[in-house]
C-alpha atoms as a PDB file:
ATOM      1  CA  MET A   1      30.066 -66.340  81.166  1.00  0.00           C
ATOM      2  CA  LYS A   2      31.006 -64.618  84.417  1.00  0.00           C
ATOM      3  CA  ILE A   3      34.280 -66.523  84.499  1.00  0.00           C
ATOM      4  CA  LYS A   4      35.339 -64.940  81.191  1.00  0.00           C
ATOM      5  CA  PHE A   5      34.559 -61.498  82.532  1.00  0.00           C
ATOM      6  CA  TYR A   6      36.561 -61.930  85.736  1.00  0.00           C
ATOM      7  CA  LEU A   7      39.409 -63.708  83.964  1.00  0.00           C
ATOM      8  CA  GLY A   8      39.595 -60.856  81.460  1.00  0.00           C
ATOM      9  CA  LEU A   9      39.466 -58.276  84.231  1.00  0.00           C
ATOM     10  CA  GLY A  10      42.247 -60.038  86.126  1.00  0.00           C
ATOM     11  CA  MET A  11      44.375 -60.218  82.997  1.00  0.00           C
ATOM     12  CA  GLN A  12      43.830 -56.519  82.386  1.00  0.00           C
ATOM     13  CA  LEU A  13      44.905 -55.667  85.922  1.00  0.00           C
ATOM     14  CA  PHE A  14      47.974 -57.899  85.649  1.00  0.00           C
ATOM     15  CA  GLY A  15      48.972 -56.369  82.314  1.00  0.00           C
ATOM     16  CA  LEU A  16      48.476 -52.827  83.543  1.00  0.00           C
ATOM     17  CA  THR A  17      50.539 -53.557  86.640  1.00  0.00           C
ATOM     18  CA  ALA A  18      53.364 -55.081  84.586  1.00  0.00           C
ATOM     19  CA  VAL A  19      53.497 -52.083  82.262  1.00  0.00           C
ATOM     20  CA  GLY A  20      53.376 -49.686  85.222  1.00  0.00           C
ATOM     21  CA  LEU A  21      56.248 -51.458  86.954  1.00  0.00           C
ATOM     22  CA  CYS A  22      58.240 -51.336  83.723  1.00  0.00           C
ATOM     23  CA  PHE A  23      57.560 -47.613  83.428  1.00  0.00           C
ATOM     24  CA  PHE A  24      58.647 -46.812  86.986  1.00  0.00           C
ATOM     25  CA  SER A  25      61.701 -49.059  86.724  1.00  0.00           C
ATOM     26  CA  GLY A  26      62.800 -47.164  83.632  1.00  0.00           C
ATOM     27  CA  ILE A  27      62.347 -43.845  85.389  1.00  0.00           C
ATOM     28  CA  LYS A  28      64.300 -45.036  88.425  1.00  0.00           C
ATOM     29  CA  ASN A  29      67.199 -46.526  86.470  1.00  0.00           C
ATOM     30  CA  GLY A  30      67.171 -44.020  83.635  1.00  0.00           C
ATOM     31  CA  ASP A  31      67.296 -46.774  81.021  1.00  0.00           C
ATOM     32  CA  TYR A  32      65.279 -49.761  79.868  1.00  0.00           C
ATOM     33  CA  GLY A  33      66.949 -53.154  79.670  1.00  0.00           C
ATOM     34  CA  HIS A  34      65.923 -56.427  78.097  1.00  0.00           C
ATOM     35  CA  PHE A  35      63.857 -57.400  81.129  1.00  0.00           C
ATOM     36  CA  GLU A  36      61.875 -54.173  81.043  1.00  0.00           C
ATOM     37  CA  LEU A  37      61.270 -54.547  77.300  1.00  0.00           C
ATOM     38  CA  ALA A  38      59.996 -58.103  77.754  1.00  0.00           C
ATOM     39  CA  GLN A  39      57.854 -56.956  80.674  1.00  0.00           C
ATOM     40  CA  LEU A  40      56.348 -54.188  78.525  1.00  0.00           C
ATOM     41  CA  VAL A  41      55.566 -56.506  75.606  1.00  0.00           C
ATOM     42  CA  VAL A  42      54.133 -59.314  77.745  1.00  0.00           C
ATOM     43  CA  GLY A  43      52.168 -56.894  79.912  1.00  0.00           C
ATOM     44  CA  SER A  44      50.649 -55.208  76.882  1.00  0.00           C
ATOM     45  CA  PHE A  45      49.785 -58.553  75.304  1.00  0.00           C
ATOM     46  CA  VAL A  46      48.133 -59.841  78.478  1.00  0.00           C
ATOM     47  CA  PHE A  47      46.201 -56.585  78.853  1.00  0.00           C
ATOM     48  CA  TYR A  48      44.773 -56.755  75.338  1.00  0.00           C
ATOM     49  CA  VAL A  49      43.932 -60.457  75.567  1.00  0.00           C
ATOM     50  CA  GLY A  50      42.112 -59.685  78.802  1.00  0.00           C
ATOM     51  CA  ASN A  51      40.318 -56.826  77.087  1.00  0.00           C
ATOM     52  CA  TYR A  52      39.209 -59.194  74.311  1.00  0.00           C
ATOM     53  CA  LEU A  53      37.970 -61.832  76.767  1.00  0.00           C
ATOM     54  CA  LYS A  54      36.106 -59.270  78.812  1.00  0.00           C
ATOM     55  CA  GLY A  55      34.462 -57.907  75.682  1.00  0.00           C
ATOM     56  CA  GLN A  56      33.427 -61.407  74.586  1.00  0.00           C
ATOM     57  CA  SER A  57      31.764 -62.098  77.918  1.00  0.00           C
ATOM     58  CA  ILE A  58      29.388 -59.148  77.524  1.00  0.00           C
ATOM     59  CA  ASN A  59      27.835 -60.518  74.307  1.00  0.00           C
END
């Protein structure tokens, strides 16, 4: 069960990093392109899947 916890935690960190990079890229460029939109969607999805896995490992 520890592997689920650490896998979920890693996915959360990856997702949060992807969304953060998207945010700062948009601030720097002043606009969001297709790449930033895809990065936001994938990062959010990975974050929430990681959150689900981490929650399942506690039970």
